[in-house]
C-alpha atoms as a PDB file:
ATOM      1  CA  UNK A   1       0.088   0.086   0.131  1.00  0.00           C
ATOM      2  CA  UNK A   2       1.200   3.427  -0.656  1.00  0.00           C
ATOM      3  CA  UNK A   3       1.739   5.322   2.400  1.00  0.00           C
ATOM      4  CA  UNK A   4      -0.083   8.264   0.996  1.00  0.00           C
ATOM      5  CA  UNK A   5      -3.176   6.461   0.933  1.00  0.00           C
ATOM      6  CA  UNK A   6      -5.652   6.464   3.474  1.00  0.00           C
ATOM      7  CA  UNK A   7      -6.032   3.062   5.428  1.00  0.00           C
ATOM      8  CA  UNK A   8      -9.255   0.903   4.864  1.00  0.00           C
ATOM      9  CA  UNK A   9     -12.303   2.022   6.637  1.00  0.00           C
ATOM     10  CA  UNK A  10     -12.872  -1.328   7.846  1.00  0.00           C
ATOM     11  CA  UNK A  11     -15.400  -0.171  10.695  1.00  0.00           C
ATOM     12  CA  UNK A  12     -17.014   2.413   8.153  1.00  0.00           C
ATOM     13  CA  UNK A  13     -17.241   5.341  10.813  1.00  0.00           C
ATOM     14  CA  UNK A  14     -15.075   7.540   9.079  1.00  0.00           C
ATOM     15  CA  UNK A  15     -16.415  10.975   8.311  1.00  0.00           C
ATOM     16  CA  UNK A  16     -19.366  10.510  10.650  1.00  0.00           C
ATOM     17  CA  UNK A  17     -20.290  12.195  13.661  1.00  0.00           C
ATOM     18  CA  UNK A  18     -20.565  10.615  17.348  1.00  0.00           C
ATOM     19  CA  UNK A  19     -21.778  12.809  20.517  1.00  0.00           C
ATOM     20  CA  UNK A  20     -19.630  11.189  23.623  1.00  0.00           C
ATOM     21  CA  UNK A  21     -21.218  11.975  26.853  1.00  0.00           C
ATOM     22  CA  UNK A  22     -19.215  11.337  30.297  1.00  0.00           C
ATOM     23  CA  UNK A  23     -15.560  12.288  29.709  1.00  0.00           C
ATOM     24  CA  UNK A  24     -14.083  12.857  33.196  1.00  0.00           C
ATOM     25  CA  UNK A  25     -10.634  12.552  32.674  1.00  0.00           C
ATOM     26  CA  UNK A  26      -8.035  10.576  30.643  1.00  0.00           C
ATOM     27  CA  UNK A  27      -8.924   7.422  32.741  1.00  0.00           C
ATOM     28  CA  UNK A  28     -12.533   7.668  31.600  1.00  0.00           C
ATOM     29  CA  UNK A  29     -13.763   4.623  29.201  1.00  0.00           C
ATOM     30  CA  UNK A  30     -15.890   7.695  27.337  1.00  0.00           C
ATOM     31  CA  UNK A  31     -12.308   9.100  26.388  1.00  0.00           C
ATOM     32  CA  UNK A  32     -10.694   5.964  25.727  1.00  0.00           C
ATOM     33  CA  UNK A  33     -13.692   5.503  23.043  1.00  0.00           C
ATOM     34  CA  UNK A  34     -13.484   8.945  21.872  1.00  0.00           C
ATOM     35  CA  UNK A  35      -9.653   8.211  21.258  1.00  0.00           C
ATOM     36  CA  UNK A  36     -10.412   5.189  19.006  1.00  0.00           C
ATOM     37  CA  UNK A  37     -13.082   7.115  17.329  1.00  0.00           C
ATOM     38  CA  UNK A  38     -10.993   9.680  16.227  1.00  0.00           C
ATOM     39  CA  UNK A  39      -8.371   7.877  15.420  1.00  0.00           C
ATOM     40  CA  UNK A  40     -10.650   6.003  12.639  1.00  0.00           C
ATOM     41  CA  UNK A  41     -11.689   9.489  11.438  1.00  0.00           C
ATOM     42  CA  UNK A  42     -14.810  10.196  13.154  1.00  0.00           C
ATOM     43  CA  UNK A  43     -16.101  13.855  14.203  1.00  0.00           C
ATOM     44  CA  UNK A  44     -16.402  13.323  17.731  1.00  0.00           C
ATOM     45  CA  UNK A  45     -18.604  16.029  19.751  1.00  0.00           C
ATOM     46  CA  UNK A  46     -18.138  16.059  23.578  1.00  0.00           C
ATOM     47  CA  UNK A  47     -20.818  16.671  26.152  1.00  0.00           C
ATOM     48  CA  UNK A  48     -19.770  17.668  29.871  1.00  0.00           C
ATOM     49  CA  UNK A  49     -21.994  17.962  32.973  1.00  0.00           C
ATOM     50  CA  UNK A  50     -20.446  21.387  33.686  1.00  0.00           C
ATOM     51  CA  UNK A  51     -18.524  24.414  33.219  1.00  0.00           C
ATOM     52  CA  UNK A  52     -15.639  23.405  35.673  1.00  0.00           C
ATOM     53  CA  UNK A  53     -15.589  19.828  34.283  1.00  0.00           C
ATOM     54  CA  UNK A  54     -14.827  21.553  30.631  1.00  0.00           C
ATOM     55  CA  UNK A  55     -12.411  23.838  32.300  1.00  0.00           C
ATOM     56  CA  UNK A  56     -10.305  20.754  33.731  1.00  0.00           C
ATOM     57  CA  UNK A  57     -10.424  19.027  30.556  1.00  0.00           C
ATOM     58  CA  UNK A  58      -9.086  22.059  28.619  1.00  0.00           C
ATOM     59  CA  UNK A  59      -5.976  20.515  28.185  1.00  0.00           C
ATOM     60  CA  UNK A  60      -7.133  17.140  27.479  1.00  0.00           C
ATOM     61  CA  UNK A  61      -9.360  17.978  24.796  1.00  0.00           C
ATOM     62  CA  UNK A  62      -7.925  21.066  23.325  1.00  0.00           C
ATOM     63  CA  UNK A  63      -9.473  22.060  19.842  1.00  0.00           C
ATOM     64  CA  UNK A  64     -12.293  19.817  20.277  1.00  0.00           C
ATOM     65  CA  UNK A  65     -15.974  21.037  20.479  1.00  0.00           C
ATOM     66  CA  UNK A  66     -17.424  20.563  24.146  1.00  0.00           C
ATOM     67  CA  UNK A  67     -21.113  21.142  25.024  1.00  0.00           C
ATOM     68  CA  UNK A  68     -22.415  21.613  28.620  1.00  0.00           C
ATOM     69  CA  UNK A  69     -25.102  19.213  29.436  1.00  0.00           C
ATOM     70  CA  UNK A  70     -26.065  18.158  33.140  1.00  0.00           C
ATOM     71  CA  UNK A  71     -28.288  15.377  32.556  1.00  0.00           C
ATOM     72  CA  UNK A  72     -30.325  16.354  35.680  1.00  0.00           C
ATOM     73  CA  UNK A  73     -31.766  19.242  34.054  1.00  0.00           C
ATOM     74  CA  UNK A  74     -34.247  18.539  31.209  1.00  0.00           C
ATOM     75  CA  UNK A  75     -33.607  22.142  29.811  1.00  0.00           C
ATOM     76  CA  UNK A  76     -29.969  21.580  29.479  1.00  0.00           C
ATOM     77  CA  UNK A  77     -30.874  18.237  27.614  1.00  0.00           C
ATOM     78  CA  UNK A  78     -33.183  19.967  25.451  1.00  0.00           C
ATOM     79  CA  UNK A  79     -30.614  22.837  24.704  1.00  0.00           C
ATOM     80  CA  UNK A  80     -27.825  20.344  23.668  1.00  0.00           C
ATOM     81  CA  UNK A  81     -30.422  18.779  21.113  1.00  0.00           C
ATOM     82  CA  UNK A  82     -31.453  22.280  19.778  1.00  0.00           C
ATOM     83  CA  UNK A  83     -27.676  23.408  19.600  1.00  0.00           C
ATOM     84  CA  UNK A  84     -26.825  20.415  17.597  1.00  0.00           C
ATOM     85  CA  UNK A  85     -29.910  20.707  15.410  1.00  0.00           C
ATOM     86  CA  UNK A  86     -28.983  24.540  14.833  1.00  0.00           C
ATOM     87  CA  UNK A  87     -26.174  23.629  12.829  1.00  0.00           C
ATOM     88  CA  UNK A  88     -27.041  20.980  11.012  1.00  0.00           C
ATOM     89  CA  UNK A  89     -25.353  18.104  13.074  1.00  0.00           C
ATOM     90  CA  UNK A  90     -26.539  14.476  12.005  1.00  0.00           C
ATOM     91  CA  UNK A  91     -25.338  11.869  14.778  1.00  0.00           C
ATOM     92  CA  UNK A  92     -24.056   8.388  13.718  1.00  0.00           C
ATOM     93  CA  UNK A  93     -23.964   7.454  17.044  1.00  0.00           C
ATOM     94  CA  UNK A  94     -24.149   8.086  20.815  1.00  0.00           C
ATOM     95  CA  UNK A  95     -21.841   7.144  23.793  1.00  0.00           C
ATOM     96  CA  UNK A  96     -23.527   7.496  27.064  1.00  0.00           C
ATOM     97  CA  UNK A  97     -21.094   6.983  29.616  1.00  0.00           C
ATOM     98  CA  UNK A  98     -22.529   8.698  32.518  1.00  0.00           C
ATOM     99  CA  UNK A  99     -23.100   7.156  36.138  1.00  0.00           C
ATOM    100  CA  UNK A 100     -23.415   8.451  39.636  1.00  0.00           C
ATOM    101  CA  UNK A 101     -24.326   7.402  42.988  1.00  0.00           C
ATOM    102  CA  UNK A 102     -24.012   8.904  46.422  1.00  0.00           C
ATOM    103  CA  UNK A 103     -22.033   7.250  49.259  1.00  0.00           C
ATOM    104  CA  UNK A 104     -22.112  10.293  51.982  1.00  0.00           C
ATOM    105  CA  UNK A 105     -21.426   7.420  54.597  1.00  0.00           C
ATOM    106  CA  UNK A 106     -19.748   4.887  52.716  1.00  0.00           C
ATOM    107  CA  UNK A 107     -21.313   1.638  51.570  1.00  0.00           C
ATOM    108  CA  UNK A 108     -24.347   0.673  53.435  1.00  0.00           C
ATOM    109  CA  UNK A 109     -26.636  -2.368  53.132  1.00  0.00           C
ATOM    110  CA  UNK A 110     -28.848  -2.361  50.282  1.00  0.00           C
ATOM    111  CA  UNK A 111     -32.179  -2.233  52.424  1.00  0.00           C
ATOM    112  CA  UNK A 112     -30.883   1.230  53.894  1.00  0.00           C
ATOM    113  CA  UNK A 113     -30.843   2.900  50.395  1.00  0.00           C
ATOM    114  CA  UNK A 114     -32.417   6.240  51.016  1.00  0.00           C
ATOM    115  CA  UNK A 115     -35.314   7.137  48.160  1.00  0.00           C
ATOM    116  CA  UNK A 116     -33.201  10.287  47.378  1.00  0.00           C
ATOM    117  CA  UNK A 117     -30.044   8.370  46.886  1.00  0.00           C
ATOM    118  CA  UNK A 118     -31.954   5.870  44.772  1.00  0.00           C
ATOM    119  CA  UNK A 119     -33.622   8.132  42.603  1.00  0.00           C
ATOM    120  CA  UNK A 120     -31.117  10.390  42.103  1.00  0.00           C
ATOM    121  CA  UNK A 121     -28.627   7.601  40.956  1.00  0.00           C
ATOM    122  CA  UNK A 122     -31.454   5.982  38.490  1.00  0.00           C
ATOM    123  CA  UNK A 123     -32.196   9.625  36.996  1.00  0.00           C
ATOM    124  CA  UNK A 124     -28.535  10.116  36.065  1.00  0.00           C
ATOM    125  CA  UNK A 125     -27.192   6.776  35.393  1.00  0.00           C
ATOM    126  CA  UNK A 126     -30.076   5.200  33.709  1.00  0.00           C
ATOM    127  CA  UNK A 127     -33.118   7.298  33.006  1.00  0.00           C
ATOM    128  CA  UNK A 128     -30.883   9.894  31.410  1.00  0.00           C
ATOM    129  CA  UNK A 129     -30.448   7.641  28.256  1.00  0.00           C
ATOM    130  CA  UNK A 130     -33.792   7.647  27.360  1.00  0.00           C
ATOM    131  CA  UNK A 131     -34.099  11.079  28.079  1.00  0.00           C
ATOM    132  CA  UNK A 132     -31.330  12.275  25.811  1.00  0.00           C
ATOM    133  CA  UNK A 133     -32.148   9.921  23.243  1.00  0.00           C
ATOM    134  CA  UNK A 134     -35.607  11.089  22.820  1.00  0.00           C
ATOM    135  CA  UNK A 135     -34.283  14.694  22.891  1.00  0.00           C
ATOM    136  CA  UNK A 136     -31.941  13.695  20.097  1.00  0.00           C
ATOM    137  CA  UNK A 137     -34.178  11.602  17.785  1.00  0.00           C
ATOM    138  CA  UNK A 138     -34.804  14.048  14.947  1.00  0.00           C
ATOM    139  CA  UNK A 139     -30.715  14.611  14.483  1.00  0.00           C
ATOM    140  CA  UNK A 140     -29.762  10.857  14.551  1.00  0.00           C
ATOM    141  CA  UNK A 141     -29.176   9.107  11.341  1.00  0.00           C
ATOM    142  CA  UNK A 142     -31.614   6.075  10.498  1.00  0.00           C
ATOM    143  CA  UNK A 143     -29.222   3.701  11.283  1.00  0.00           C
ATOM    144  CA  UNK A 144     -27.589   5.381  14.142  1.00  0.00           C
ATOM    145  CA  UNK A 145     -25.800   3.451  17.127  1.00  0.00           C
ATOM    146  CA  UNK A 146     -26.298   4.175  20.823  1.00  0.00           C
ATOM    147  CA  UNK A 147     -23.674   2.605  23.146  1.00  0.00           C
ATOM    148  CA  UNK A 148     -23.923   2.768  27.226  1.00  0.00           C
ATOM    149  CA  UNK A 149     -21.723   1.433  29.548  1.00  0.00           C
ATOM    150  CA  UNK A 150     -23.098  -1.186  31.930  1.00  0.00           C
ATOM    151  CA  UNK A 151     -21.805  -3.585  34.261  1.00  0.00           C
ATOM    152  CA  UNK A 152     -20.772  -7.449  33.888  1.00  0.00           C
ATOM    153  CA  UNK A 153     -23.337  -8.695  36.063  1.00  0.00           C
ATOM    154  CA  UNK A 154     -26.557  -7.113  37.662  1.00  0.00           C
ATOM    155  CA  UNK A 155     -27.443 -10.459  39.266  1.00  0.00           C
ATOM    156  CA  UNK A 156     -24.009 -10.179  41.771  1.00  0.00           C
ATOM    157  CA  UNK A 157     -24.948  -8.838  45.001  1.00  0.00           C
ATOM    158  CA  UNK A 158     -21.366  -7.022  44.841  1.00  0.00           C
ATOM    159  CA  UNK A 159     -21.499  -5.228  48.702  1.00  0.00           C
ATOM    160  CA  UNK A 160     -18.772  -2.852  47.257  1.00  0.00           C
ATOM    161  CA  UNK A 161     -20.789  -1.620  44.494  1.00  0.00           C
ATOM    162  CA  UNK A 162     -23.736  -0.492  46.794  1.00  0.00           C
ATOM    163  CA  UNK A 163     -27.054  -0.091  45.264  1.00  0.00           C
ATOM    164  CA  UNK A 164     -25.778   0.621  41.796  1.00  0.00           C
ATOM    165  CA  UNK A 165     -26.133  -2.780  40.405  1.00  0.00           C
ATOM    166  CA  UNK A 166     -29.954  -2.348  40.279  1.00  0.00           C
ATOM    167  CA  UNK A 167     -29.755   1.134  38.812  1.00  0.00           C
ATOM    168  CA  UNK A 168     -27.700  -0.836  35.943  1.00  0.00           C
ATOM    169  CA  UNK A 169     -30.076  -3.374  35.528  1.00  0.00           C
ATOM    170  CA  UNK A 170     -32.807  -0.504  34.920  1.00  0.00           C
ATOM    171  CA  UNK A 171     -30.476   0.685  32.108  1.00  0.00           C
ATOM    172  CA  UNK A 172     -29.521  -2.728  30.822  1.00  0.00           C
ATOM    173  CA  UNK A 173     -33.533  -3.239  30.269  1.00  0.00           C
ATOM    174  CA  UNK A 174     -34.253  -0.287  28.971  1.00  0.00           C
ATOM    175  CA  UNK A 175     -32.288  -0.758  25.663  1.00  0.00           C
ATOM    176  CA  UNK A 176     -34.956  -3.429  24.450  1.00  0.00           C
ATOM    177  CA  UNK A 177     -37.893  -0.626  25.033  1.00  0.00           C
ATOM    178  CA  UNK A 178     -35.594   1.703  23.230  1.00  0.00           C
ATOM    179  CA  UNK A 179     -35.044  -0.507  20.446  1.00  0.00           C
ATOM    180  CA  UNK A 180     -38.621  -1.312  20.219  1.00  0.00           C
ATOM    181  CA  UNK A 181     -40.044   2.026  20.298  1.00  0.00           C
ATOM    182  CA  UNK A 182     -37.837   3.546  18.175  1.00  0.00           C
ATOM    183  CA  UNK A 183     -38.046   0.874  15.489  1.00  0.00           C
ATOM    184  CA  UNK A 184     -41.348   2.516  14.611  1.00  0.00           C
ATOM    185  CA  UNK A 185     -39.425   5.159  12.467  1.00  0.00           C
ATOM    186  CA  UNK A 186     -35.926   4.349  12.490  1.00  0.00           C
ATOM    187  CA  UNK A 187     -33.695   1.346  12.490  1.00  0.00           C
ATOM    188  CA  UNK A 188     -31.526   3.049  15.435  1.00  0.00           C
ATOM    189  CA  UNK A 189     -29.788   0.488  17.630  1.00  0.00           C
ATOM    190  CA  UNK A 190     -29.344   0.525  21.331  1.00  0.00           C
ATOM    191  CA  UNK A 191     -26.483  -1.817  23.291  1.00  0.00           C
ATOM    192  CA  UNK A 192     -24.580  -1.774  26.342  1.00  0.00           C
ATOM    193  CA  UNK A 193     -20.697  -2.758  26.936  1.00  0.00           C
ATOM    194  CA  UNK A 194     -21.122  -4.765  30.179  1.00  0.00           C
ATOM    195  CA  UNK A 195     -17.875  -4.193  31.726  1.00  0.00           C
ATOM    196  CA  UNK A 196     -15.799  -6.207  34.150  1.00  0.00           C
ATOM    197  CA  UNK A 197     -14.204  -4.283  36.921  1.00  0.00           C
ATOM    198  CA  UNK A 198     -12.016  -1.415  35.668  1.00  0.00           C
ATOM    199  CA  UNK A 199      -9.115   1.085  37.103  1.00  0.00           C
ATOM    200  CA  UNK A 200     -10.676   4.213  36.684  1.00  0.00           C
ATOM    201  CA  UNK A 201     -10.737   7.638  38.546  1.00  0.00           C
ATOM    202  CA  UNK A 202     -14.476   6.957  39.056  1.00  0.00           C
ATOM    203  CA  UNK A 203     -14.076   3.525  40.302  1.00  0.00           C
ATOM    204  CA  UNK A 204     -11.716   4.000  42.692  1.00  0.00           C
ATOM    205  CA  UNK A 205     -13.672   6.359  44.651  1.00  0.00           C
ATOM    206  CA  UNK A 206     -16.266   3.523  45.546  1.00  0.00           C
ATOM    207  CA  UNK A 207     -15.622   2.119  49.071  1.00  0.00           C
ATOM    208  CA  UNK A 208     -14.232  -1.261  48.885  1.00  0.00           C
ATOM    209  CA  UNK A 209     -13.814  -1.242  45.114  1.00  0.00           C
ATOM    210  CA  UNK A 210      -9.796  -1.594  45.036  1.00  0.00           C
ATOM    211  CA  UNK A 211     -10.288  -4.996  47.140  1.00  0.00           C
ATOM    212  CA  UNK A 212     -12.595  -6.031  44.554  1.00  0.00           C
ATOM    213  CA  UNK A 213     -10.750  -4.958  41.873  1.00  0.00           C
ATOM    214  CA  UNK A 214      -7.626  -7.127  43.159  1.00  0.00           C
ATOM    215  CA  UNK A 215      -9.957 -10.026  43.788  1.00  0.00           C
ATOM    216  CA  UNK A 216     -11.092 -10.084  40.283  1.00  0.00           C
ATOM    217  CA  UNK A 217      -7.040 -10.307  39.115  1.00  0.00           C
ATOM    218  CA  UNK A 218      -7.138 -13.366  40.882  1.00  0.00           C
ATOM    219  CA  UNK A 219     -10.436 -15.003  39.478  1.00  0.00           C
ATOM    220  CA  UNK A 220      -9.850 -13.924  35.846  1.00  0.00           C
ATOM    221  CA  UNK A 221      -8.080 -17.002  33.738  1.00  0.00           C
ATOM    222  CA  UNK A 222      -5.516 -15.029  32.223  1.00  0.00           C
ATOM    223  CA  UNK A 223      -4.327 -13.457  35.713  1.00  0.00           C
ATOM    224  CA  UNK A 224      -4.982  -9.514  34.883  1.00  0.00           C
ATOM    225  CA  UNK A 225      -8.194  -7.560  35.038  1.00  0.00           C
ATOM    226  CA  UNK A 226     -10.087  -5.943  32.133  1.00  0.00           C
ATOM    227  CA  UNK A 227      -8.116  -2.950  30.385  1.00  0.00           C
ATOM    228  CA  UNK A 228     -10.005   0.075  29.671  1.00  0.00           C
ATOM    229  CA  UNK A 229      -9.341   0.042  26.086  1.00  0.00           C
ATOM    230  CA  UNK A 230     -10.742  -3.275  25.471  1.00  0.00           C
ATOM    231  CA  UNK A 231     -14.052  -2.060  27.030  1.00  0.00           C
ATOM    232  CA  UNK A 232     -13.580   1.189  24.520  1.00  0.00           C
ATOM    233  CA  UNK A 233     -12.810  -1.270  21.468  1.00  0.00           C
ATOM    234  CA  UNK A 234     -15.889  -3.260  21.875  1.00  0.00           C
ATOM    235  CA  UNK A 235     -18.049   0.203  22.207  1.00  0.00           C
ATOM    236  CA  UNK A 236     -16.438   1.112  19.441  1.00  0.00           C
ATOM    237  CA  UNK A 237     -17.390  -1.896  17.125  1.00  0.00           C
ATOM    238  CA  UNK A 238     -21.086  -1.852  18.431  1.00  0.00           C
ATOM    239  CA  UNK A 239     -21.148   2.166  17.048  1.00  0.00           C
ATOM    240  CA  UNK A 240     -20.128   0.899  13.989  1.00  0.00           C
ATOM    241  CA  UNK A 241     -22.087  -0.799  10.946  1.00  0.00           C
ATOM    242  CA  UNK A 242     -19.853  -3.653  11.506  1.00  0.00           C
ATOM    243  CA  UNK A 243     -22.587  -4.525  13.957  1.00  0.00           C
ATOM    244  CA  UNK A 244     -25.654  -3.635  12.382  1.00  0.00           C
ATOM    245  CA  UNK A 245     -27.353  -7.061  13.454  1.00  0.00           C
ATOM    246  CA  UNK A 246     -26.882  -6.504  17.308  1.00  0.00           C
ATOM    247  CA  UNK A 247     -29.336  -4.388  19.032  1.00  0.00           C
ATOM    248  CA  UNK A 248     -30.841  -4.576  22.578  1.00  0.00           C
ATOM    249  CA  UNK A 249     -27.989  -6.370  23.838  1.00  0.00           C
ATOM    250  CA  UNK A 250     -25.318  -5.918  26.710  1.00  0.00           C
ATOM    251  CA  UNK A 251     -22.171  -7.527  25.573  1.00  0.00           C
ATOM    252  CA  UNK A 252     -20.055  -8.834  28.203  1.00  0.00           C
ATOM    253  CA  UNK A 253     -16.323  -7.667  28.634  1.00  0.00           C
ATOM    254  CA  UNK A 254     -15.253  -9.513  31.765  1.00  0.00           C
ATOM    255  CA  UNK A 255     -12.130 -11.261  30.299  1.00  0.00           C
ATOM    256  CA  UNK A 256     -13.778 -14.573  31.790  1.00  0.00           C
ATOM    257  CA  UNK A 257     -14.121 -13.990  34.900  1.00  0.00           C
ATOM    258  CA  UNK A 258     -17.473 -15.132  35.251  1.00  0.00           C
ATOM    259  CA  UNK A 259     -16.580 -18.635  33.948  1.00  0.00           C
ATOM    260  CA  UNK A 260     -13.947 -18.506  36.903  1.00  0.00           C
ATOM    261  CA  UNK A 261     -15.414 -18.173  40.554  1.00  0.00           C
ATOM    262  CA  UNK A 262     -14.469 -21.386  41.551  1.00  0.00           C
ATOM    263  CA  UNK A 263     -10.733 -21.345  40.442  1.00  0.00           C
ATOM    264  CA  UNK A 264      -8.934 -23.858  42.533  1.00  0.00           C
ATOM    265  CA  UNK A 265      -6.196 -21.473  43.989  1.00  0.00           C
ATOM    266  CA  UNK A 266      -8.601 -19.186  44.846  1.00  0.00           C
ATOM    267  CA  UNK A 267     -11.045 -21.701  46.786  1.00  0.00           C
ATOM    268  CA  UNK A 268      -7.989 -23.098  48.512  1.00  0.00           C
ATOM    269  CA  UNK A 269      -6.945 -19.819  49.572  1.00  0.00           C
ATOM    270  CA  UNK A 270     -10.224 -19.122  51.565  1.00  0.00           C
ATOM    271  CA  UNK A 271     -10.300 -22.619  52.377  1.00  0.00           C
ATOM    272  CA  UNK A 272      -7.091 -22.160  54.285  1.00  0.00           C
ATOM    273  CA  UNK A 273      -8.057 -18.882  55.641  1.00  0.00           C
ATOM    274  CA  UNK A 274     -11.011 -20.573  57.288  1.00  0.00           C
ATOM    275  CA  UNK A 275      -8.896 -23.204  58.887  1.00  0.00           C
ATOM    276  CA  UNK A 276      -6.453 -20.561  60.283  1.00  0.00           C
END
């Protein structure tokens, strides 16, 4: 191949526009997704929750278009859609990498979750996907792809994750309903990357998460945790026309952790500790 010739666009994303919501810093899943998208020739538009977050990303996202949108405020979601529509933007994809849970007193038993905590978390982390997509529906390409970030299992009662697993379950369930309702007027697809434990700044702030992350490395067959770029690459595939037959699905990226909970070495370590 002549070095001056463009590389073959295997993913079919070059020249398209994707909105990425949720970049917090360079370790964010959203940022890694955006970097891969940009490397394939995608025009990435960034949406962040506040002016202060935008300011903190000034160097990281230098020269990029950044729009403020706090998903707790419907007016800002509507303003985001109006801004994009007014300049003729057409979206081939949306990345929804937004989650928030308030643990003011650390992780408490699930039955002690307060109404305020739960409703705020479900508003930001789950419902926001639905209301953002509704507001953006007129500027989605007919075959656009929407990808959100979930967790590898919503049935595992992981104490270190607090009350977020039920929230993520609601997010995951909404994929089928969004796919069905959008199918009345489009072929927009809705999928999730169900990620295993990651080393991100957001996860590090969850009480007890680091210990769970270290445990995951012991249980994963290959002996090392899932990397953020592995999750990001899967998201980019789901955003591309190469995944056109996939919708209303959660693709698990956990490096095989879910098949190996009874690894002999881990079981032996636990039983030996009980004997001691």
